[in-house]
Amino acid sequence: MGAATSPDEPATTGDVTVDAAAQDAQVAEDAQATDRTDETGETAGTGEAGEPEPAAKGVVSAPGPEGPVRTTRRFPMFTRDTARPEGGGRAAPGDAAAPVRQWPFLVVLGTTALGLLLVAVDAFGIGFRLGTLLIGLALISGAVLRRFIPSVGMLAVRSRFTDMATYGLLGFAIVLLALMAQPGPWLEIPLLESAVRFTVR
């Protein structure tokens, strides 16, 4: 006859001791410790007395299908970081000089600055028209660069479509107004002239 075991002792099979209750408790503790993560994604540890540390700020508990407690993240009130827009990387390798890495942005910015300078000094007596034309063409070139250059650096603000639409439409409107500016417009569109006169009369 084998030796009798008391009800308080765990059941044994050979050299292996099976303690189902202890294993279940350990698995539950491990699952809760894994779920307790702070905002940086690090797992919450245990204190000096072996007690689990409080959950990180911004993490709340809610009932879940796997168990009675599941931690979820609460959205922050303010945006702390934003993802780089598509095509917002460097336009040249990282070992290149800083102006070279941002050349699409600098081309548009420099052309716009030149247009403003022409307007300010009234070059050739038609500085206003030339300057505004240059500014409009700079924005249109920004839309073209955004379309065909994979990475344009700081010229990328939103999605590619949004940037192209913004730069293109704004540049086209500036060019159109520059061509129709009085006196002596270079382009005459009767319908638009009638609309402007009706608006400002």
Protein backbone atom coordinates (compact mmCIF):
# COMPACT_ATOMS: atom_id res chain seq x y z
CA MET A 1 0.00 0.00 0.00
CA GLY A 2 1.26 3.51 -0.82
CA ALA A 3 1.71 6.09 1.82
CA ALA A 4 -1.45 8.02 2.57
CA THR A 5 -1.40 11.74 1.94
CA SER A 6 -3.20 14.32 4.01
CA PRO A 7 -5.75 16.63 2.34
CA ASP A 8 -3.52 19.68 3.05
CA GLU A 9 -0.53 18.27 1.16
CA PRO A 10 -0.36 18.69 -2.61
CA ALA A 11 -0.81 15.61 -4.74
CA THR A 12 2.44 14.08 -5.98
CA THR A 13 3.18 11.95 -8.99
CA GLY A 14 6.70 10.58 -8.81
CA ASP A 15 9.15 13.45 -8.26
CA VAL A 16 6.83 16.17 -9.65
CA THR A 17 4.61 18.11 -7.29
CA VAL A 18 1.41 19.46 -8.80
CA ASP A 19 -0.04 22.52 -7.14
CA ALA A 20 -2.74 23.79 -9.50
CA ALA A 21 -3.92 26.59 -7.25
CA ALA A 22 -0.41 28.07 -6.89
CA GLN A 23 0.21 27.87 -10.63
CA ASP A 24 -3.09 29.62 -11.41
CA ALA A 25 -2.29 32.40 -8.94
CA GLN A 26 1.18 32.88 -10.45
CA VAL A 27 -0.23 33.08 -14.00
CA ALA A 28 -2.79 35.66 -12.89
CA GLU A 29 -0.09 37.78 -11.22
CA ASP A 30 2.10 37.62 -14.32
CA ALA A 31 -0.80 38.68 -16.55
CA GLN A 32 -1.64 41.64 -14.32
CA ALA A 33 2.02 42.71 -14.15
CA THR A 34 2.25 42.56 -17.94
CA ASP A 35 -0.89 44.67 -18.34
CA ARG A 36 0.37 47.39 -15.99
CA THR A 37 2.40 49.55 -18.34
CA ASP A 38 3.27 53.18 -18.09
CA GLU A 39 3.08 55.76 -20.87
CA THR A 40 6.52 54.82 -22.19
CA GLY A 41 5.56 51.18 -22.59
CA GLU A 42 7.69 49.92 -19.66
CA THR A 43 6.23 47.31 -17.38
CA ALA A 44 5.34 48.39 -13.88
CA GLY A 45 7.50 46.68 -11.29
CA THR A 46 7.01 45.74 -7.67
CA GLY A 47 7.90 47.72 -4.58
CA GLU A 48 10.36 46.83 -1.85
CA ALA A 49 7.73 44.89 0.07
CA GLY A 50 6.86 42.80 -2.98
CA GLU A 51 3.63 44.72 -3.60
CA PRO A 52 2.86 45.87 -7.13
CA GLU A 53 3.49 49.55 -7.84
CA PRO A 54 0.52 51.70 -8.77
CA ALA A 55 -0.43 51.91 -12.42
CA ALA A 56 1.07 54.71 -14.45
CA LYS A 57 -0.70 58.02 -14.82
CA GLY A 58 -3.07 58.02 -17.75
CA VAL A 59 -3.73 54.25 -17.58
CA VAL A 60 -7.14 53.11 -16.42
CA SER A 61 -8.60 49.69 -15.70
CA ALA A 62 -11.67 48.28 -17.39
CA PRO A 63 -13.33 44.86 -17.50
CA GLY A 64 -12.16 42.77 -20.42
CA PRO A 65 -13.03 39.42 -21.98
CA GLU A 66 -9.85 37.70 -20.79
CA GLY A 67 -10.35 38.45 -17.13
CA PRO A 68 -11.83 40.77 -14.56
CA VAL A 69 -9.27 43.53 -15.09
CA ARG A 70 -7.72 44.96 -18.27
CA THR A 71 -5.67 48.13 -18.51
CA THR A 72 -6.34 50.60 -21.29
CA ARG A 73 -4.67 53.86 -22.27
CA ARG A 74 -6.39 57.19 -21.87
CA PHE A 75 -5.77 59.70 -24.67
CA PRO A 76 -3.69 62.69 -23.50
CA MET A 77 -5.25 66.14 -23.49
CA PHE A 78 -2.43 67.67 -25.54
CA THR A 79 -0.52 66.25 -28.49
CA ARG A 80 3.05 65.58 -27.43
CA ASP A 81 4.35 64.17 -30.67
CA THR A 82 3.28 63.94 -34.29
CA ALA A 83 4.19 61.50 -36.99
CA ARG A 84 6.33 62.80 -39.83
CA PRO A 85 4.21 63.29 -42.96
CA GLU A 86 4.76 61.03 -45.93
CA GLY A 87 7.74 62.35 -47.87
CA GLY A 88 8.93 64.49 -44.97
CA GLY A 89 12.36 62.87 -44.78
CA ARG A 90 15.65 64.38 -45.89
CA ALA A 91 15.95 65.24 -49.58
CA ALA A 92 19.64 64.22 -49.51
CA PRO A 93 21.69 61.67 -47.51
CA GLY A 94 22.36 62.38 -43.86
CA ASP A 95 26.06 63.12 -44.42
CA ALA A 96 25.20 66.04 -46.74
CA ALA A 97 25.20 69.62 -45.50
CA ALA A 98 22.02 70.92 -43.86
CA PRO A 99 21.02 73.23 -46.77
CA VAL A 100 21.41 70.35 -49.22
CA ARG A 101 19.16 68.12 -47.11
CA GLN A 102 16.41 70.76 -47.26
CA TRP A 103 16.93 72.04 -50.81
CA PRO A 104 13.25 71.75 -51.96
CA PHE A 105 12.08 73.87 -49.05
CA LEU A 106 14.91 76.37 -49.53
CA VAL A 107 14.17 76.70 -53.27
CA VAL A 108 10.52 77.63 -52.60
CA LEU A 109 11.42 79.88 -49.68
CA GLY A 110 14.22 81.66 -51.57
CA THR A 111 12.06 82.26 -54.64
CA THR A 112 9.29 83.69 -52.46
CA ALA A 113 11.79 85.97 -50.70
CA LEU A 114 13.08 87.19 -54.07
CA GLY A 115 9.53 87.98 -55.16
CA LEU A 116 8.92 89.98 -52.00
CA LEU A 117 12.16 91.87 -52.60
CA LEU A 118 11.07 92.77 -56.15
CA VAL A 119 7.77 94.07 -54.79
CA ALA A 120 9.54 96.12 -52.12
CA VAL A 121 12.01 97.86 -54.47
CA ASP A 122 9.54 98.11 -57.38
CA ALA A 123 12.10 96.77 -59.82
CA PHE A 124 11.81 97.89 -63.47
CA GLY A 125 8.69 99.84 -62.67
CA ILE A 126 6.65 96.63 -62.64
CA GLY A 127 8.06 95.15 -59.46
CA PHE A 128 4.66 94.48 -57.98
CA ARG A 129 3.55 92.34 -60.93
CA LEU A 130 6.90 90.55 -61.29
CA GLY A 131 7.20 89.91 -57.58
CA THR A 132 3.73 88.48 -57.14
CA LEU A 133 4.19 86.35 -60.28
CA LEU A 134 7.41 84.97 -58.79
CA ILE A 135 5.67 84.19 -55.50
CA GLY A 136 2.85 82.36 -57.28
CA LEU A 137 5.30 80.39 -59.41
CA ALA A 138 7.27 79.47 -56.28
CA LEU A 139 4.16 77.95 -54.73
CA ILE A 140 3.31 76.08 -57.93
CA SER A 141 6.86 74.73 -58.05
CA GLY A 142 6.41 73.59 -54.44
CA ALA A 143 3.35 71.59 -55.52
CA VAL A 144 5.33 70.03 -58.39
CA LEU A 145 8.23 69.13 -56.09
CA ARG A 146 5.81 67.63 -53.57
CA ARG A 147 4.39 65.45 -56.32
CA PHE A 148 7.54 64.13 -57.95
CA ILE A 149 10.24 64.22 -55.24
CA PRO A 150 9.94 61.30 -52.78
CA SER A 151 11.37 63.27 -49.83
CA VAL A 152 11.11 67.05 -49.65
CA GLY A 153 12.04 67.74 -46.03
CA MET A 154 10.18 70.58 -44.34
CA LEU A 155 8.19 71.27 -47.51
CA ALA A 156 5.99 68.34 -46.43
CA VAL A 157 3.42 69.61 -43.94
CA ARG A 158 0.39 67.34 -44.32
CA SER A 159 -0.43 64.51 -46.67
CA ARG A 160 0.92 64.68 -50.21
CA PHE A 161 -2.50 65.42 -51.70
CA THR A 162 -3.23 68.18 -49.17
CA ASP A 163 0.13 69.84 -49.74
CA MET A 164 -0.20 69.67 -53.52
CA ALA A 165 -3.72 71.11 -53.44
CA THR A 166 -2.76 73.90 -51.03
CA TYR A 167 0.41 74.98 -52.83
CA GLY A 168 -1.08 74.59 -56.29
CA LEU A 169 -4.37 76.41 -55.73
CA LEU A 170 -2.79 79.24 -53.77
CA GLY A 171 -0.03 79.68 -56.35
CA PHE A 172 -2.51 79.63 -59.25
CA ALA A 173 -4.69 82.26 -57.56
CA ILE A 174 -1.68 84.55 -56.93
CA VAL A 175 -0.48 84.21 -60.55
CA LEU A 176 -3.98 84.93 -61.86
CA LEU A 177 -4.35 88.04 -59.70
CA ALA A 178 -0.87 89.25 -60.67
CA LEU A 179 -1.71 88.97 -64.37
CA MET A 180 -5.01 90.82 -63.91
CA ALA A 181 -3.64 93.58 -61.67
CA GLN A 182 -4.38 97.15 -62.73
CA PRO A 183 -3.23 99.30 -64.43
CA GLY A 184 -2.46 97.65 -67.74
CA PRO A 185 -3.43 94.05 -66.98
CA TRP A 186 -1.54 91.35 -68.86
CA LEU A 187 -4.62 89.11 -68.81
CA GLU A 188 -8.23 90.16 -69.19
CA ILE A 189 -11.11 87.89 -68.20
CA PRO A 190 -14.38 89.82 -68.67
CA LEU A 191 -16.38 87.60 -66.34
CA LEU A 192 -13.94 88.09 -63.47
CA GLU A 193 -13.64 91.81 -64.14
CA SER A 194 -17.41 92.18 -63.99
CA ALA A 195 -17.53 90.22 -60.72
CA VAL A 196 -14.81 92.39 -59.17
CA ARG A 197 -16.46 95.63 -60.27
CA PHE A 198 -19.82 94.46 -58.97
CA THR A 199 -18.23 93.54 -55.62
CA VAL A 200 -16.25 96.76 -55.03
CA ARG A 201 -18.64 99.35 -56.47
